C-alpha cells in the first residue's frame, strides 16, 4: 500500500481485534517500533526473554532500522527480523502478535489506538500520552478491542519498589499525607542548530512528525531532544519525572487532584528549547498532597537520598509516624521524632530495569486479563495526567482547578485548550476509536 497521510488512520482503523491463546511453550512474536536509544534497549531485553521472539522492526530512519536488524540478528543466531518504515505495515503483519513501541510522546496515543484496532497487544513507553484527551481514547481502545496495553512505568515491576509501596500501604509510617517526587537530573543546554530545507537522506520526516505540526527538519527536534519541545514532548516532568510521579500516586492511592499549582522556567540556558529545566508543582487533594520538583541545572540531595552519579531521582513519603524514601538503589524508613533509620533495604543486585516489566506484559498477553498488568493503560494515563496538569498550570501561569469527572478545568477555557491539540491532517485521533 502506498504511504499517505490521508490513509494513515484508515489503514488500521477498519481492522477487528483477534484473540489467540498462547501455549506454554510458544514464543510470542513481538515487533519493536521506534529504534532509537530506548528502542535498542527494548530489543536487547526481548532477546533475553525466553517467552518472546523479535520478528519485526520499524523506524522512519533507515540507518536505525538497519542497525536494529543487525542487533537482533546477532542475538538471535543470525535470524534477521523483517524491517518496515511504516508502522501500519507492522500492524497489518499477521506474524506479529504484540508491538513494543518506544516512540516520541506525540505518537504514543495514535500508535496505540491503531495497534489495538489491528488486534495487537501493546507495550508503549511512558508517558502514556502527550495530552489528557488522547489518554482517554487509549483506554477506550484497549477496552473495546480487548487488548493488553502496558505502559513503560517499569518501577511497578521492580521488586524493592513493590516492597516499599507494600510497606507504605501496611502502615509502616502511619497515615501517609504527603509525597514529594524528585527529578534532579543533570541536563545540558542544546547547541542551536539551523533548520534544514531537506531532511537528511533516509529519514521520513513527515512520518516522524505524525500528529505534530509540519515544520522544517532540525536536528534538535529529532532523536532524544524532541523531549524539550511542546509539539513532541512534555519536558522532564513527562520524561524522567513521570516515573517518580507514578510512584507517588501509587504509594498514596490517589487519582487526579482538585487544584494544581506549578512554577518554573528554562533558567540559565538560552538555547531555543521550550520546556522548563526547573519546575515545582503542587497537587492538592484536600487532606493529602503531592509535590514534585524538576531540577536540570543545579541541585543537592534531599531526604537522605545519596547522589547516584550526578542525579537525585526518587520519592519521599511523609506519614504520621515516619518517613519512607525510595529510589533506584533501594528504600529507607525513618521513625519517630528523631527520624531513626529502622530500614535500609538495597535493590537486588543485577535486577534489570525493564525486563521484569516486559515479562509481566507477556504473561498478561497469555492470560488475557488486563488486571494482571502491573501498569495497565488506565494506571499509566492517570500518572501521565498529573504531568500534563502541572505543565498546563505552568503554561497558563496560575493555579488551576480540574474536574476529573468532566475532564475539564473549572471556568478556564485557556487551560482547557491544552487538554488536547490540533492534530495534523492524516494523523487525527478520532472521537470514536
Protein backbone atom coordinates (compact mmCIF):
# COMPACT_ATOMS: atom_id res chain seq x y z
CA UNK A 1 0.00 0.00 0.00
CA UNK A 2 1.30 3.41 -0.92
CA UNK A 3 2.01 5.52 2.14
CA UNK A 4 -0.03 8.67 2.55
CA UNK A 5 -1.14 10.83 5.42
CA UNK A 6 -4.76 10.59 4.31
CA UNK A 7 -4.85 6.82 4.71
CA UNK A 8 -2.82 6.62 7.91
CA UNK A 9 -5.78 6.27 10.26
CA UNK A 10 -7.98 4.33 7.85
CA UNK A 11 -5.43 1.59 7.21
CA UNK A 12 -5.60 0.03 10.64
CA UNK A 13 -8.86 1.59 11.78
CA UNK A 14 -11.06 -0.93 9.99
CA UNK A 15 -9.32 -3.98 11.44
CA UNK A 16 -11.00 -6.13 14.08
CA UNK A 17 -9.17 -7.35 17.15
CA UNK A 18 -8.46 -11.05 17.36
CA UNK A 19 -7.55 -13.09 20.40
CA UNK A 20 -5.23 -16.05 20.47
CA UNK A 21 -4.48 -18.19 23.49
CA UNK A 22 -0.76 -18.90 23.58
CA UNK A 23 0.55 -22.32 24.55
CA UNK A 24 3.01 -22.61 27.41
CA UNK A 25 5.89 -23.40 25.06
CA UNK A 26 5.01 -20.90 22.33
CA UNK A 27 7.06 -17.74 21.99
CA UNK A 28 5.06 -14.55 21.49
CA UNK A 29 6.13 -12.78 18.28
CA UNK A 30 6.97 -9.14 19.04
CA UNK A 31 7.72 -6.17 16.79
CA UNK A 32 9.68 -3.16 18.08
CA UNK A 33 8.55 0.15 16.60
CA UNK A 34 10.98 3.02 17.19
CA UNK A 35 14.66 2.11 17.24
CA UNK A 36 16.47 4.99 18.92
CA UNK A 37 18.30 4.63 22.22
CA UNK A 38 15.29 3.30 24.08
CA UNK A 39 14.41 1.09 21.13
CA UNK A 40 17.82 -0.54 21.28
CA UNK A 41 17.17 -1.24 24.96
CA UNK A 42 13.81 -2.84 24.12
CA UNK A 43 15.41 -5.10 21.53
CA UNK A 44 18.15 -6.11 23.96
CA UNK A 45 15.66 -7.02 26.68
CA UNK A 46 13.37 -9.07 24.44
CA UNK A 47 16.38 -11.01 23.21
CA UNK A 48 16.90 -12.12 26.83
CA UNK A 49 13.30 -13.21 27.39
CA UNK A 50 12.51 -16.82 26.50
CA UNK A 51 8.78 -16.07 26.05
CA UNK A 52 9.39 -13.58 23.22
CA UNK A 53 10.75 -13.57 19.69
CA UNK A 54 11.55 -10.32 17.90
CA UNK A 55 10.15 -10.92 14.42
CA UNK A 56 9.90 -7.37 13.02
CA UNK A 57 11.32 -3.88 13.45
CA UNK A 58 10.15 -0.48 12.27
CA UNK A 59 11.66 3.00 12.12
CA UNK A 60 11.35 6.09 9.93
CA UNK A 61 15.16 6.32 9.97
CA UNK A 62 16.65 3.77 7.57
CA UNK A 63 20.02 3.76 9.33
CA UNK A 64 18.39 2.99 12.69
CA UNK A 65 16.37 0.20 11.09
CA UNK A 66 19.45 -1.44 9.63
CA UNK A 67 21.34 -1.17 12.94
CA UNK A 68 18.38 -2.73 14.72
CA UNK A 69 18.15 -5.64 12.32
CA UNK A 70 21.85 -6.31 12.80
CA UNK A 71 21.48 -6.17 16.60
CA UNK A 72 18.62 -8.66 16.64
CA UNK A 73 20.30 -10.99 14.14
CA UNK A 74 23.44 -11.03 16.29
CA UNK A 75 21.43 -12.02 19.36
CA UNK A 76 19.17 -14.48 17.54
CA UNK A 77 21.56 -16.89 15.86
CA UNK A 78 21.75 -14.82 12.70
CA UNK A 79 17.99 -14.73 12.12
CA UNK A 80 17.15 -11.24 10.89
CA UNK A 81 13.73 -9.72 11.65
CA UNK A 82 11.57 -8.16 8.99
CA UNK A 83 12.11 -4.44 8.54
CA UNK A 84 9.46 -1.76 7.96
CA UNK A 85 9.49 2.02 7.59
CA UNK A 86 5.76 2.40 8.25
CA UNK A 87 4.07 1.16 11.43
CA UNK A 88 0.84 0.39 9.53
CA UNK A 89 2.70 -2.42 7.79
CA UNK A 90 3.67 -3.83 11.19
CA UNK A 91 0.05 -3.68 12.33
CA UNK A 92 -1.00 -5.48 9.13
CA UNK A 93 1.61 -8.23 9.65
CA UNK A 94 -0.20 -11.36 10.81
CA UNK A 95 3.07 -12.80 12.12
CA UNK A 96 3.17 -10.07 14.79
CA UNK A 97 1.10 -10.54 17.96
CA UNK A 98 2.45 -7.73 20.12
CA UNK A 99 4.17 -4.41 19.49
CA UNK A 100 6.67 -2.72 21.77
CA UNK A 101 6.81 0.98 20.94
CA UNK A 102 9.46 3.32 22.39
CA UNK A 103 8.21 6.25 20.30
CA UNK A 104 8.29 10.02 20.82
CA UNK A 105 5.50 11.12 23.17
CA UNK A 106 3.36 12.73 20.47
CA UNK A 107 2.98 9.35 18.74
CA UNK A 108 2.02 7.26 21.81
CA UNK A 109 -1.75 7.58 21.60
CA UNK A 110 -2.30 7.25 17.86
CA UNK A 111 0.12 4.33 17.54
CA UNK A 112 -1.51 2.53 20.47
CA UNK A 113 -5.03 3.04 19.13
CA UNK A 114 -4.08 1.82 15.65
CA UNK A 115 -2.35 -1.23 17.11
CA UNK A 116 -5.38 -2.07 19.26
CA UNK A 117 -7.67 -1.74 16.24
CA UNK A 118 -5.40 -4.14 14.36
CA UNK A 119 -5.59 -6.73 17.14
CA UNK A 120 -2.10 -6.25 18.57
CA UNK A 121 -1.21 -6.15 22.25
CA UNK A 122 0.85 -3.09 23.12
CA UNK A 123 3.79 -2.14 25.30
CA UNK A 124 4.06 1.64 24.96
CA UNK A 125 6.68 3.78 26.64
CA UNK A 126 5.89 6.39 29.26
CA UNK A 127 4.31 8.86 29.49
CA UNK A 128 1.20 7.07 28.30
CA UNK A 129 0.03 10.03 26.25
CA UNK A 130 1.01 13.50 25.05
CA UNK A 131 -2.14 15.18 26.35
CA UNK A 132 -5.11 14.48 28.61
CA UNK A 133 -7.83 13.90 25.98
CA UNK A 134 -5.95 11.33 23.95
CA UNK A 135 -5.19 9.29 27.08
CA UNK A 136 -8.93 8.64 27.46
CA UNK A 137 -9.04 7.45 23.85
CA UNK A 138 -6.22 4.98 24.55
CA UNK A 139 -8.16 3.45 27.45
CA UNK A 140 -11.31 3.26 25.32
CA UNK A 141 -9.44 1.47 22.52
CA UNK A 142 -7.76 -1.01 24.87
CA UNK A 143 -11.08 -1.99 26.43
CA UNK A 144 -13.09 -2.00 23.19
CA UNK A 145 -10.66 -4.29 21.37
CA UNK A 146 -9.75 -6.30 24.48
CA UNK A 147 -6.05 -5.57 24.13
CA UNK A 148 -3.33 -5.77 26.73
CA UNK A 149 -1.75 -2.29 26.90
CA UNK A 150 1.18 -1.94 29.28
CA UNK A 151 2.73 1.48 29.94
CA UNK A 152 6.51 1.53 30.36
CA UNK A 153 6.36 2.56 34.03
CA UNK A 154 8.75 -0.24 34.93
CA UNK A 155 9.11 0.81 38.58
CA UNK A 156 5.88 -1.09 39.19
CA UNK A 157 7.70 -4.33 38.34
CA UNK A 158 10.93 -3.66 40.29
CA UNK A 159 10.98 -5.76 43.46
CA UNK A 160 12.31 -3.32 46.04
CA UNK A 161 9.86 -0.64 44.88
CA UNK A 162 6.98 -3.10 45.09
CA UNK A 163 8.08 -3.95 48.63
CA UNK A 164 8.42 -0.29 49.62
CA UNK A 165 4.91 0.51 48.39
CA UNK A 166 3.57 -2.58 50.14
CA UNK A 167 5.08 -1.40 53.43
CA UNK A 168 3.59 2.05 52.93
CA UNK A 169 0.14 0.58 52.45
CA UNK A 170 0.57 -1.65 55.51
CA UNK A 171 1.05 1.48 57.64
CA UNK A 172 4.79 1.36 58.28
CA UNK A 173 4.90 5.17 58.63
CA UNK A 174 1.31 5.62 59.74
CA UNK A 175 -1.12 7.54 57.59
CA UNK A 176 0.65 8.95 54.55
CA UNK A 177 -0.42 12.54 53.98
CA UNK A 178 2.25 13.87 51.60
CA UNK A 179 4.69 12.69 48.96
CA UNK A 180 7.48 14.51 47.17
CA UNK A 181 8.81 13.35 43.81
CA UNK A 182 12.31 14.42 42.82
CA UNK A 183 13.66 14.61 39.29
CA UNK A 184 17.07 16.16 39.88
CA UNK A 185 18.71 15.02 36.68
CA UNK A 186 21.62 16.82 35.10
CA UNK A 187 20.96 18.02 31.58
CA UNK A 188 22.83 20.38 29.29
CA UNK A 189 21.80 23.30 27.12
CA UNK A 190 21.21 22.48 23.45
CA UNK A 191 23.59 23.92 20.92
CA UNK A 192 21.49 25.88 18.48
CA UNK A 193 21.08 24.09 15.14
CA UNK A 194 19.74 25.54 11.88
CA UNK A 195 16.58 24.35 10.18
CA UNK A 196 17.25 22.32 7.03
CA UNK A 197 15.21 22.68 3.85
CA UNK A 198 15.54 18.93 3.25
CA UNK A 199 15.78 16.19 5.92
CA UNK A 200 18.93 14.02 5.86
CA UNK A 201 18.75 11.04 3.49
CA UNK A 202 16.94 8.01 4.87
CA UNK A 203 14.71 9.94 7.30
CA UNK A 204 10.96 10.19 6.68
CA UNK A 205 10.38 13.49 8.48
CA UNK A 206 6.67 13.59 7.67
CA UNK A 207 6.08 10.29 9.46
CA UNK A 208 8.30 11.30 12.37
CA UNK A 209 6.19 14.42 12.96
CA UNK A 210 2.95 12.49 12.50
CA UNK A 211 0.25 14.25 14.58
CA UNK A 212 2.51 17.26 15.25
CA UNK A 213 2.55 20.35 13.01
CA UNK A 214 4.76 20.24 9.92
CA UNK A 215 7.99 22.22 10.29
CA UNK A 216 11.46 22.14 8.72
CA UNK A 217 13.82 19.42 9.89
CA UNK A 218 16.03 20.42 12.80
CA UNK A 219 18.45 18.07 14.49
CA UNK A 220 17.45 19.42 17.91
CA UNK A 221 13.88 18.25 17.32
CA UNK A 222 14.95 14.76 16.26
CA UNK A 223 16.28 11.83 18.29
CA UNK A 224 16.23 12.37 22.07
CA UNK A 225 15.92 16.14 22.20
CA UNK A 226 12.32 16.17 20.95
CA UNK A 227 11.52 15.89 24.69
CA UNK A 228 12.23 19.62 25.13
CA UNK A 229 9.67 20.94 22.61
CA UNK A 230 5.93 21.10 23.30
CA UNK A 231 4.89 19.76 19.88
CA UNK A 232 6.52 16.40 20.54
CA UNK A 233 7.49 16.20 24.22
CA UNK A 234 6.40 17.14 27.72
CA UNK A 235 9.66 18.29 29.32
CA UNK A 236 11.48 16.34 32.00
CA UNK A 237 8.40 16.15 34.22
CA UNK A 238 6.88 13.94 31.49
CA UNK A 239 10.16 12.19 30.69
CA UNK A 240 12.16 11.02 33.71
CA UNK A 241 9.71 12.68 36.08
CA UNK A 242 6.66 10.63 35.16
CA UNK A 243 8.33 7.58 36.77
CA UNK A 244 8.54 9.35 40.13
CA UNK A 245 5.09 10.88 39.66
CA UNK A 246 3.71 7.37 39.14
CA UNK A 247 5.40 6.09 42.30
CA UNK A 248 4.00 9.00 44.35
CA UNK A 249 0.47 8.34 43.09
CA UNK A 250 0.88 4.57 43.54
CA UNK A 251 2.08 4.93 47.12
CA UNK A 252 -0.78 7.22 48.10
CA UNK A 253 -3.61 5.53 46.13
CA UNK A 254 -4.56 8.84 44.56
CA UNK A 255 -6.24 9.75 41.29
CA UNK A 256 -6.43 13.30 39.98
CA UNK A 257 -6.11 16.36 42.24
CA UNK A 258 -8.51 19.21 42.96
CA UNK A 259 -6.08 22.07 42.35
CA UNK A 260 -2.68 22.31 40.69
CA UNK A 261 0.00 24.98 41.01
CA UNK A 262 3.23 24.93 39.02
CA UNK A 263 6.07 27.41 38.65
CA UNK A 264 9.41 27.28 36.86
CA UNK A 265 11.34 28.39 33.82
CA UNK A 266 14.15 27.46 31.49
CA UNK A 267 16.77 29.14 33.64
CA UNK A 268 20.45 29.70 32.83
CA UNK A 269 20.26 28.38 29.26
CA UNK A 270 19.46 30.45 26.18
CA UNK A 271 19.26 27.51 23.82
CA UNK A 272 15.95 27.77 21.98
CA UNK A 273 14.30 24.73 23.59
CA UNK A 274 10.87 25.29 25.11
CA UNK A 275 10.17 23.16 28.19
CA UNK A 276 11.29 24.22 31.69
CA UNK A 277 14.53 22.92 33.17
CA UNK A 278 13.36 23.92 36.66
CA UNK A 279 9.82 23.19 37.78
CA UNK A 280 7.93 22.92 41.08
CA UNK A 281 4.40 21.55 41.14
CA UNK A 282 1.90 21.13 43.99
CA UNK A 283 -1.11 18.81 43.59
CA UNK A 284 -3.75 19.40 46.25
CA UNK A 285 -6.17 16.59 47.10
CA UNK A 286 -7.77 18.21 50.12
CA UNK A 287 -6.33 16.27 53.06
CA UNK A 288 -3.35 14.97 51.07
CA UNK A 289 -0.86 16.43 48.62
CA UNK A 290 1.89 15.56 46.17
CA UNK A 291 4.72 17.95 45.44
CA UNK A 292 7.11 17.50 42.55
CA UNK A 293 10.38 19.10 41.55
CA UNK A 294 12.40 19.08 38.34
CA UNK A 295 15.94 20.47 38.52
CA UNK A 296 18.17 20.00 35.48
CA UNK A 297 20.74 22.76 36.16
CA UNK A 298 21.92 22.53 39.78
CA UNK A 299 20.78 20.69 42.93
CA UNK A 300 21.78 18.78 46.05
CA UNK A 301 20.47 15.58 47.60
CA UNK A 302 17.32 15.54 49.73
CA UNK A 303 15.55 13.11 52.02
CA UNK A 304 18.77 11.18 52.73
CA UNK A 305 18.92 10.13 49.09
CA UNK A 306 22.53 9.81 48.10
CA UNK A 307 23.92 11.10 44.85
CA UNK A 308 23.72 8.44 42.16
CA UNK A 309 26.29 9.53 39.64
CA UNK A 310 25.10 13.12 39.19
CA UNK A 311 21.39 12.58 39.77
CA UNK A 312 18.93 12.55 42.67
CA UNK A 313 15.83 10.76 41.46
CA UNK A 314 13.19 9.24 43.73
CA UNK A 315 10.27 9.77 46.10
CA UNK A 316 9.86 10.73 49.74
CA UNK A 317 6.66 9.77 51.59
CA UNK A 318 5.67 11.56 54.80
CA UNK A 319 3.43 9.83 57.32
CA UNK A 320 2.10 10.48 60.80
CA UNK A 321 4.73 8.09 62.25
CA UNK A 322 7.73 8.50 59.97
CA UNK A 323 9.23 8.93 56.52
CA UNK A 324 9.97 6.48 53.70
CA UNK A 325 12.28 7.34 50.81
CA UNK A 326 12.68 5.17 47.72
CA UNK A 327 14.85 5.46 44.64
CA UNK A 328 16.58 3.24 42.12
CA UNK A 329 19.06 1.88 44.67
CA UNK A 330 16.70 0.87 47.46
CA UNK A 331 14.49 2.32 50.17
CA UNK A 332 14.80 3.59 53.73
CA UNK A 333 12.33 4.00 56.60
CA UNK A 334 12.79 6.59 59.36
CA UNK A 335 10.64 6.52 62.52
CA UNK A 336 9.89 8.75 65.48
CA UNK A 337 10.73 12.36 66.30
CA UNK A 338 14.45 11.71 65.82
CA UNK A 339 13.82 10.08 62.44
CA UNK A 340 15.83 7.00 63.39
CA UNK A 341 16.61 4.81 60.37
CA UNK A 342 14.89 1.47 61.01
CA UNK A 343 15.03 0.01 57.49
CA UNK A 344 17.69 0.33 54.81
CA UNK A 345 17.00 -2.15 52.03
CA UNK A 346 19.08 -2.28 48.89
CA UNK A 347 17.96 -3.23 45.43
CA UNK A 348 18.67 -6.78 44.32
CA UNK A 349 21.98 -6.91 42.51
CA UNK A 350 21.71 -7.19 38.73
CA UNK A 351 17.93 -6.85 38.60
CA UNK A 352 17.29 -5.37 35.13
CA UNK A 353 15.28 -2.16 34.99
CA UNK A 354 12.81 -3.19 32.30
CA UNK A 355 12.91 -6.94 31.75
CA UNK A 356 10.56 -7.85 34.58
CA UNK A 357 8.03 -5.32 33.30
CA UNK A 358 8.17 -6.83 29.82
CA UNK A 359 7.80 -10.32 31.28
CA UNK A 360 4.72 -9.11 33.15
CA UNK A 361 3.33 -7.75 29.86
CA UNK A 362 3.91 -11.04 28.04
CA UNK A 363 2.33 -13.02 30.89
CA UNK A 364 -0.82 -10.88 30.61
CA UNK A 365 -0.84 -11.47 26.85
CA UNK A 366 -1.26 -15.14 27.74
CA UNK A 367 -3.88 -14.79 30.49
CA UNK A 368 -5.85 -12.12 28.55
CA UNK A 369 -6.53 -10.26 31.81
CA UNK A 370 -5.56 -6.59 31.80
CA UNK A 371 -5.83 -6.72 35.60
CA UNK A 372 -2.63 -8.81 35.51
CA UNK A 373 -0.65 -5.89 34.05
CA UNK A 374 1.43 -4.00 36.58
CA UNK A 375 0.97 -0.74 34.63
CA UNK A 376 -2.24 -1.09 32.66
CA UNK A 377 -3.03 1.80 30.34
CA UNK A 378 -5.57 3.30 32.75
CA UNK A 379 -2.93 3.44 35.51
CA UNK A 380 -0.38 4.97 33.17
CA UNK A 381 -2.79 7.58 31.82
CA UNK A 382 -3.62 8.81 35.33
CA UNK A 383 0.06 9.24 36.17
CA UNK A 384 0.74 10.99 32.87
CA UNK A 385 -2.22 13.28 33.54
CA UNK A 386 -0.50 14.65 36.65
CA UNK A 387 2.42 15.70 34.46
CA UNK A 388 0.06 17.27 31.94
CA UNK A 389 -1.84 19.13 34.67
CA UNK A 390 1.41 20.54 36.04
CA UNK A 391 2.53 21.64 32.58
CA UNK A 392 -0.82 23.29 31.89
CA UNK A 393 -0.68 25.23 35.18
CA UNK A 394 2.87 26.27 34.28
CA UNK A 395 1.93 27.36 30.75
CA UNK A 396 -1.10 29.42 31.76
CA UNK A 397 0.79 30.86 34.73
CA UNK A 398 -1.75 30.31 37.50
CA UNK A 399 -3.29 27.79 39.87
CA UNK A 400 -5.93 25.71 38.09
CA UNK A 401 -8.85 23.59 39.26
CA UNK A 402 -9.62 20.37 37.39
CA UNK A 403 -12.89 18.46 37.28
CA UNK A 404 -11.78 14.86 36.84
CA UNK A 405 -15.28 13.60 36.06
CA UNK A 406 -15.90 16.14 33.31
CA UNK A 407 -12.26 16.10 32.15
CA UNK A 408 -12.09 19.88 32.02
CA UNK A 409 -10.88 22.83 34.04
CA UNK A 410 -13.31 24.87 36.07
CA UNK A 411 -14.01 28.19 34.38
CA UNK A 412 -10.73 28.23 32.46
CA UNK A 413 -11.08 27.93 28.69
CA UNK A 414 -7.39 28.73 28.14
CA UNK A 415 -6.34 25.77 30.28
CA UNK A 416 -8.93 23.57 28.55
CA UNK A 417 -7.26 24.22 25.19
CA UNK A 418 -4.13 22.48 26.48
CA UNK A 419 -6.00 19.24 27.25
CA UNK A 420 -5.83 18.31 23.56
CA UNK A 421 -4.15 19.52 20.39
CA UNK A 422 -4.78 20.29 16.74
CA UNK A 423 -3.91 17.02 15.01
CA UNK A 424 -2.32 17.26 11.60
CA UNK A 425 -4.45 16.08 8.70
CA UNK A 426 -3.97 12.38 8.14
CA UNK A 427 -2.85 11.78 11.73
CA UNK A 428 -6.05 12.61 13.58
CA UNK A 429 -7.24 10.60 16.58
CA UNK A 430 -10.98 10.12 16.02
CA UNK A 431 -13.58 10.82 18.68
CA UNK A 432 -14.82 7.27 18.25
CA UNK A 433 -11.97 4.78 18.38
